[in-house]
Amino acid sequence: MKNRERIKSLRSKMKNRKGMEMVQVAILVAIAIVLGLIFKTEIISFINKTFENLNGGF
């Protein structure tokens, strides 16, 4: 009986951990999207300058 209870508790802990990992990933993705939207013009300008410098060298 004790072994079955241990196995059940381990399974439930693993399920909870997987759920928390998914929540953490979702939060990180949301933060990345928000930062991308906030700094959109700066990011685009940086990329354009970088490609202009690369193309200017050839």
PDB file of N, CA and C in Angstrom:
ATOM      1  N   MET A   1       0.821  -1.195   0.000  1.00  0.00           N
ATOM      2  CA  MET A   1       0.000   0.000   0.000  1.00  0.00           C
ATOM      3  C   MET A   1       0.862   1.254   0.000  1.00  0.00           C
ATOM      4  N   LYS A   2       1.912   1.271   0.782  1.00  0.00           N
ATOM      5  CA  LYS A   2       2.738   2.459   0.901  1.00  0.00           C
ATOM      6  C   LYS A   2       3.440   2.774  -0.420  1.00  0.00           C
ATOM      7  N   ASN A   3       3.847   1.719  -1.122  1.00  0.00           N
ATOM      8  CA  ASN A   3       4.512   1.933  -2.397  1.00  0.00           C
ATOM      9  C   ASN A   3       3.569   2.571  -3.410  1.00  0.00           C
ATOM     10  N   ARG A   4       2.334   2.136  -3.429  1.00  0.00           N
ATOM     11  CA  ARG A   4       1.350   2.694  -4.364  1.00  0.00           C
ATOM     12  C   ARG A   4       1.104   4.170  -4.058  1.00  0.00           C
ATOM     13  N   GLU A   5       1.031   4.483  -2.780  1.00  0.00           N
ATOM     14  CA  GLU A   5       0.812   5.882  -2.387  1.00  0.00           C
ATOM     15  C   GLU A   5       2.007   6.747  -2.792  1.00  0.00           C
ATOM     16  N   ARG A   6       3.200   6.210  -2.635  1.00  0.00           N
ATOM     17  CA  ARG A   6       4.405   6.946  -3.037  1.00  0.00           C
ATOM     18  C   ARG A   6       4.419   7.190  -4.538  1.00  0.00           C
ATOM     19  N   ILE A   7       4.066   6.160  -5.288  1.00  0.00           N
ATOM     20  CA  ILE A   7       4.034   6.288  -6.744  1.00  0.00           C
ATOM     21  C   ILE A   7       2.999   7.330  -7.157  1.00  0.00           C
ATOM     22  N   LYS A   8       1.830   7.302  -6.541  1.00  0.00           N
ATOM     23  CA  LYS A   8       0.796   8.286  -6.860  1.00  0.00           C
ATOM     24  C   LYS A   8       1.253   9.698  -6.539  1.00  0.00           C
ATOM     25  N   SER A   9       1.911   9.861  -5.399  1.00  0.00           N
ATOM     26  CA  SER A   9       2.363  11.202  -5.029  1.00  0.00           C
ATOM     27  C   SER A   9       3.470  11.678  -5.969  1.00  0.00           C
ATOM     28  N   LEU A  10       4.351  10.789  -6.370  1.00  0.00           N
ATOM     29  CA  LEU A  10       5.396  11.170  -7.325  1.00  0.00           C
ATOM     30  C   LEU A  10       4.799  11.563  -8.668  1.00  0.00           C
ATOM     31  N   ARG A  11       3.803  10.808  -9.120  1.00  0.00           N
ATOM     32  CA  ARG A  11       3.150  11.135 -10.394  1.00  0.00           C
ATOM     33  C   ARG A  11       2.469  12.502 -10.325  1.00  0.00           C
ATOM     34  N   SER A  12       1.795  12.767  -9.232  1.00  0.00           N
ATOM     35  CA  SER A  12       1.109  14.053  -9.121  1.00  0.00           C
ATOM     36  C   SER A  12       2.108  15.195  -9.056  1.00  0.00           C
ATOM     37  N   LYS A  13       3.248  14.990  -8.386  1.00  0.00           N
ATOM     38  CA  LYS A  13       4.275  16.023  -8.339  1.00  0.00           C
ATOM     39  C   LYS A  13       4.856  16.281  -9.721  1.00  0.00           C
ATOM     40  N   MET A  14       5.063  15.229 -10.494  1.00  0.00           N
ATOM     41  CA  MET A  14       5.602  15.396 -11.842  1.00  0.00           C
ATOM     42  C   MET A  14       4.616  16.149 -12.728  1.00  0.00           C
ATOM     43  N   LYS A  15       3.340  15.861 -12.598  1.00  0.00           N
ATOM     44  CA  LYS A  15       2.331  16.573 -13.383  1.00  0.00           C
ATOM     45  C   LYS A  15       2.318  18.046 -13.011  1.00  0.00           C
ATOM     46  N   ASN A  16       2.414  18.342 -11.735  1.00  0.00           N
ATOM     47  CA  ASN A  16       2.428  19.736 -11.285  1.00  0.00           C
ATOM     48  C   ASN A  16       3.660  20.463 -11.807  1.00  0.00           C
ATOM     49  N   ARG A  17       4.792  19.812 -11.835  1.00  0.00           N
ATOM     50  CA  ARG A  17       6.023  20.431 -12.331  1.00  0.00           C
ATOM     51  C   ARG A  17       5.921  20.729 -13.811  1.00  0.00           C
ATOM     52  N   LYS A  18       5.348  19.795 -14.571  1.00  0.00           N
ATOM     53  CA  LYS A  18       5.192  20.015 -16.007  1.00  0.00           C
ATOM     54  C   LYS A  18       4.268  21.198 -16.257  1.00  0.00           C
ATOM     55  N   GLY A  19       3.223  21.295 -15.471  1.00  0.00           N
ATOM     56  CA  GLY A  19       2.295  22.409 -15.604  1.00  0.00           C
ATOM     57  C   GLY A  19       2.962  23.734 -15.283  1.00  0.00           C
ATOM     58  N   MET A  20       3.797  23.740 -14.260  1.00  0.00           N
ATOM     59  CA  MET A  20       4.502  24.967 -13.885  1.00  0.00           C
ATOM     60  C   MET A  20       5.512  25.351 -14.960  1.00  0.00           C
ATOM     61  N   GLU A  21       6.166  24.362 -15.573  1.00  0.00           N
ATOM     62  CA  GLU A  21       7.102  24.655 -16.646  1.00  0.00           C
ATOM     63  C   GLU A  21       6.381  25.307 -17.820  1.00  0.00           C
ATOM     64  N   MET A  22       5.195  24.828 -18.125  1.00  0.00           N
ATOM     65  CA  MET A  22       4.428  25.405 -19.227  1.00  0.00           C
ATOM     66  C   MET A  22       4.033  26.841 -18.904  1.00  0.00           C
ATOM     67  N   VAL A  23       3.671  27.104 -17.676  1.00  0.00           N
ATOM     68  CA  VAL A  23       3.310  28.459 -17.261  1.00  0.00           C
ATOM     69  C   VAL A  23       4.532  29.369 -17.363  1.00  0.00           C
ATOM     70  N   GLN A  24       5.679  28.886 -16.938  1.00  0.00           N
ATOM     71  CA  GLN A  24       6.900  29.684 -17.019  1.00  0.00           C
ATOM     72  C   GLN A  24       7.255  30.005 -18.466  1.00  0.00           C
ATOM     73  N   VAL A  25       7.129  29.029 -19.332  1.00  0.00           N
ATOM     74  CA  VAL A  25       7.416  29.255 -20.753  1.00  0.00           C
ATOM     75  C   VAL A  25       6.441  30.270 -21.330  1.00  0.00           C
ATOM     76  N   ALA A  26       5.171  30.157 -20.983  1.00  0.00           N
ATOM     77  CA  ALA A  26       4.167  31.094 -21.484  1.00  0.00           C
ATOM     78  C   ALA A  26       4.464  32.515 -21.013  1.00  0.00           C
ATOM     79  N   ILE A  27       4.877  32.654 -19.769  1.00  0.00           N
ATOM     80  CA  ILE A  27       5.207  33.986 -19.238  1.00  0.00           C
ATOM     81  C   ILE A  27       6.412  34.560 -19.965  1.00  0.00           C
ATOM     82  N   LEU A  28       7.439  33.748 -20.195  1.00  0.00           N
ATOM     83  CA  LEU A  28       8.628  34.224 -20.902  1.00  0.00           C
ATOM     84  C   LEU A  28       8.308  34.627 -22.338  1.00  0.00           C
ATOM     85  N   VAL A  29       7.465  33.866 -23.002  1.00  0.00           N
ATOM     86  CA  VAL A  29       7.058  34.212 -24.370  1.00  0.00           C
ATOM     87  C   VAL A  29       6.285  35.522 -24.369  1.00  0.00           C
ATOM     88  N   ALA A  30       5.400  35.692 -23.410  1.00  0.00           N
ATOM     89  CA  ALA A  30       4.620  36.930 -23.320  1.00  0.00           C
ATOM     90  C   ALA A  30       5.539  38.127 -23.077  1.00  0.00           C
ATOM     91  N   ILE A  31       6.526  37.968 -22.215  1.00  0.00           N
ATOM     92  CA  ILE A  31       7.470  39.055 -21.952  1.00  0.00           C
ATOM     93  C   ILE A  31       8.257  39.393 -23.212  1.00  0.00           C
ATOM     94  N   ALA A  32       8.694  38.368 -23.947  1.00  0.00           N
ATOM     95  CA  ALA A  32       9.444  38.604 -25.181  1.00  0.00           C
ATOM     96  C   ALA A  32       8.597  39.351 -26.208  1.00  0.00           C
ATOM     97  N   ILE A  33       7.325  39.000 -26.317  1.00  0.00           N
ATOM     98  CA  ILE A  33       6.437  39.674 -27.271  1.00  0.00           C
ATOM     99  C   ILE A  33       6.234  41.126 -26.864  1.00  0.00           C
ATOM    100  N   VAL A  34       5.998  41.368 -25.589  1.00  0.00           N
ATOM    101  CA  VAL A  34       5.788  42.733 -25.108  1.00  0.00           C
ATOM    102  C   VAL A  34       7.036  43.581 -25.345  1.00  0.00           C
ATOM    103  N   LEU A  35       8.200  43.040 -25.033  1.00  0.00           N
ATOM    104  CA  LEU A  35       9.443  43.779 -25.269  1.00  0.00           C
ATOM    105  C   LEU A  35       9.649  44.050 -26.758  1.00  0.00           C
ATOM    106  N   GLY A  36       9.307  43.075 -27.579  1.00  0.00           N
ATOM    107  CA  GLY A  36       9.403  43.265 -29.027  1.00  0.00           C
ATOM    108  C   GLY A  36       8.499  44.378 -29.508  1.00  0.00           C
ATOM    109  N   LEU A  37       7.297  44.452 -28.965  1.00  0.00           N
ATOM    110  CA  LEU A  37       6.365  45.505 -29.360  1.00  0.00           C
ATOM    111  C   LEU A  37       6.818  46.874 -28.858  1.00  0.00           C
ATOM    112  N   ILE A  38       7.357  46.910 -27.660  1.00  0.00           N
ATOM    113  CA  ILE A  38       7.809  48.184 -27.098  1.00  0.00           C
ATOM    114  C   ILE A  38       8.999  48.731 -27.881  1.00  0.00           C
ATOM    115  N   PHE A  39       9.959  47.873 -28.198  1.00  0.00           N
ATOM    116  CA  PHE A  39      11.185  48.312 -28.856  1.00  0.00           C
ATOM    117  C   PHE A  39      11.197  48.016 -30.354  1.00  0.00           C
ATOM    118  N   LYS A  40      10.028  47.936 -30.942  1.00  0.00           N
ATOM    119  CA  LYS A  40       9.903  47.560 -32.351  1.00  0.00           C
ATOM    120  C   LYS A  40      10.702  48.481 -33.263  1.00  0.00           C
ATOM    121  N   THR A  41      10.556  49.785 -33.097  1.00  0.00           N
ATOM    122  CA  THR A  41      11.243  50.712 -33.997  1.00  0.00           C
ATOM    123  C   THR A  41      12.753  50.635 -33.811  1.00  0.00           C
ATOM    124  N   GLU A  42      13.220  50.483 -32.583  1.00  0.00           N
ATOM    125  CA  GLU A  42      14.654  50.375 -32.336  1.00  0.00           C
ATOM    126  C   GLU A  42      15.227  49.099 -32.945  1.00  0.00           C
ATOM    127  N   ILE A  43      14.489  48.013 -32.837  1.00  0.00           N
ATOM    128  CA  ILE A  43      14.940  46.734 -33.389  1.00  0.00           C
ATOM    129  C   ILE A  43      15.022  46.818 -34.908  1.00  0.00           C
ATOM    130  N   ILE A  44      13.991  47.380 -35.540  1.00  0.00           N
ATOM    131  CA  ILE A  44      13.966  47.499 -36.995  1.00  0.00           C
ATOM    132  C   ILE A  44      15.102  48.405 -37.467  1.00  0.00           C
ATOM    133  N   SER A  45      15.310  49.506 -36.785  1.00  0.00           N
ATOM    134  CA  SER A  45      16.380  50.417 -37.161  1.00  0.00           C
ATOM    135  C   SER A  45      17.744  49.743 -37.017  1.00  0.00           C
ATOM    136  N   PHE A  46      17.961  48.996 -35.952  1.00  0.00           N
ATOM    137  CA  PHE A  46      19.230  48.284 -35.752  1.00  0.00           C
ATOM    138  C   PHE A  46      19.462  47.277 -36.874  1.00  0.00           C
ATOM    139  N   ILE A  47      18.429  46.525 -37.223  1.00  0.00           N
ATOM    140  CA  ILE A  47      18.562  45.518 -38.282  1.00  0.00           C
ATOM    141  C   ILE A  47      18.856  46.191 -39.618  1.00  0.00           C
ATOM    142  N   ASN A  48      18.150  47.266 -39.921  1.00  0.00           N
ATOM    143  CA  ASN A  48      18.392  47.973 -41.188  1.00  0.00           C
ATOM    144  C   ASN A  48      19.808  48.518 -41.253  1.00  0.00           C
ATOM    145  N   LYS A  49      20.307  49.115 -40.179  1.00  0.00           N
ATOM    146  CA  LYS A  49      21.671  49.644 -40.163  1.00  0.00           C
ATOM    147  C   LYS A  49      22.688  48.519 -40.335  1.00  0.00           C
ATOM    148  N   THR A  50      22.439  47.404 -39.685  1.00  0.00           N
ATOM    149  CA  THR A  50      23.350  46.275 -39.781  1.00  0.00           C
ATOM    150  C   THR A  50      23.433  45.767 -41.215  1.00  0.00           C
ATOM    151  N   PHE A  51      22.301  45.606 -41.869  1.00  0.00           N
ATOM    152  CA  PHE A  51      22.317  45.122 -43.250  1.00  0.00           C
ATOM    153  C   PHE A  51      22.879  46.148 -44.214  1.00  0.00           C
ATOM    154  N   GLU A  52      22.651  47.418 -43.947  1.00  0.00           N
ATOM    155  CA  GLU A  52      23.260  48.464 -44.784  1.00  0.00           C
ATOM    156  C   GLU A  52      24.783  48.402 -44.671  1.00  0.00           C
ATOM    157  N   ASN A  53      25.291  48.220 -43.462  1.00  0.00           N
ATOM    158  CA  ASN A  53      26.739  48.126 -43.268  1.00  0.00           C
ATOM    159  C   ASN A  53      27.305  46.871 -43.934  1.00  0.00           C
ATOM    160  N   LEU A  54      26.574  45.768 -43.865  1.00  0.00           N
ATOM    161  CA  LEU A  54      27.038  44.549 -44.518  1.00  0.00           C
ATOM    162  C   LEU A  54      27.058  44.692 -46.029  1.00  0.00           C
ATOM    163  N   ASN A  55      26.007  45.284 -46.573  1.00  0.00           N
ATOM    164  CA  ASN A  55      25.923  45.456 -48.024  1.00  0.00           C
ATOM    165  C   ASN A  55      26.910  46.517 -48.508  1.00  0.00           C
ATOM    166  N   GLY A  56      27.200  47.505 -47.693  1.00  0.00           N
ATOM    167  CA  GLY A  56      28.138  48.548 -48.074  1.00  0.00           C
ATOM    168  C   GLY A  56      29.574  48.037 -48.170  1.00  0.00           C
ATOM    169  N   GLY A  57      29.870  46.981 -47.459  1.00  0.00           N
ATOM    170  CA  GLY A  57      31.219  46.425 -47.469  1.00  0.00           C
ATOM    171  C   GLY A  57      31.552  45.646 -48.714  1.00  0.00           C
ATOM    172  N   PHE A  58      30.558  45.302 -49.529  1.00  0.00           N
ATOM    173  CA  PHE A  58      30.823  44.495 -50.731  1.00  0.00           C
ATOM    174  C   PHE A  58      30.782  45.313 -51.975  1.00  0.00           C
TER     175      PHE A  58
END
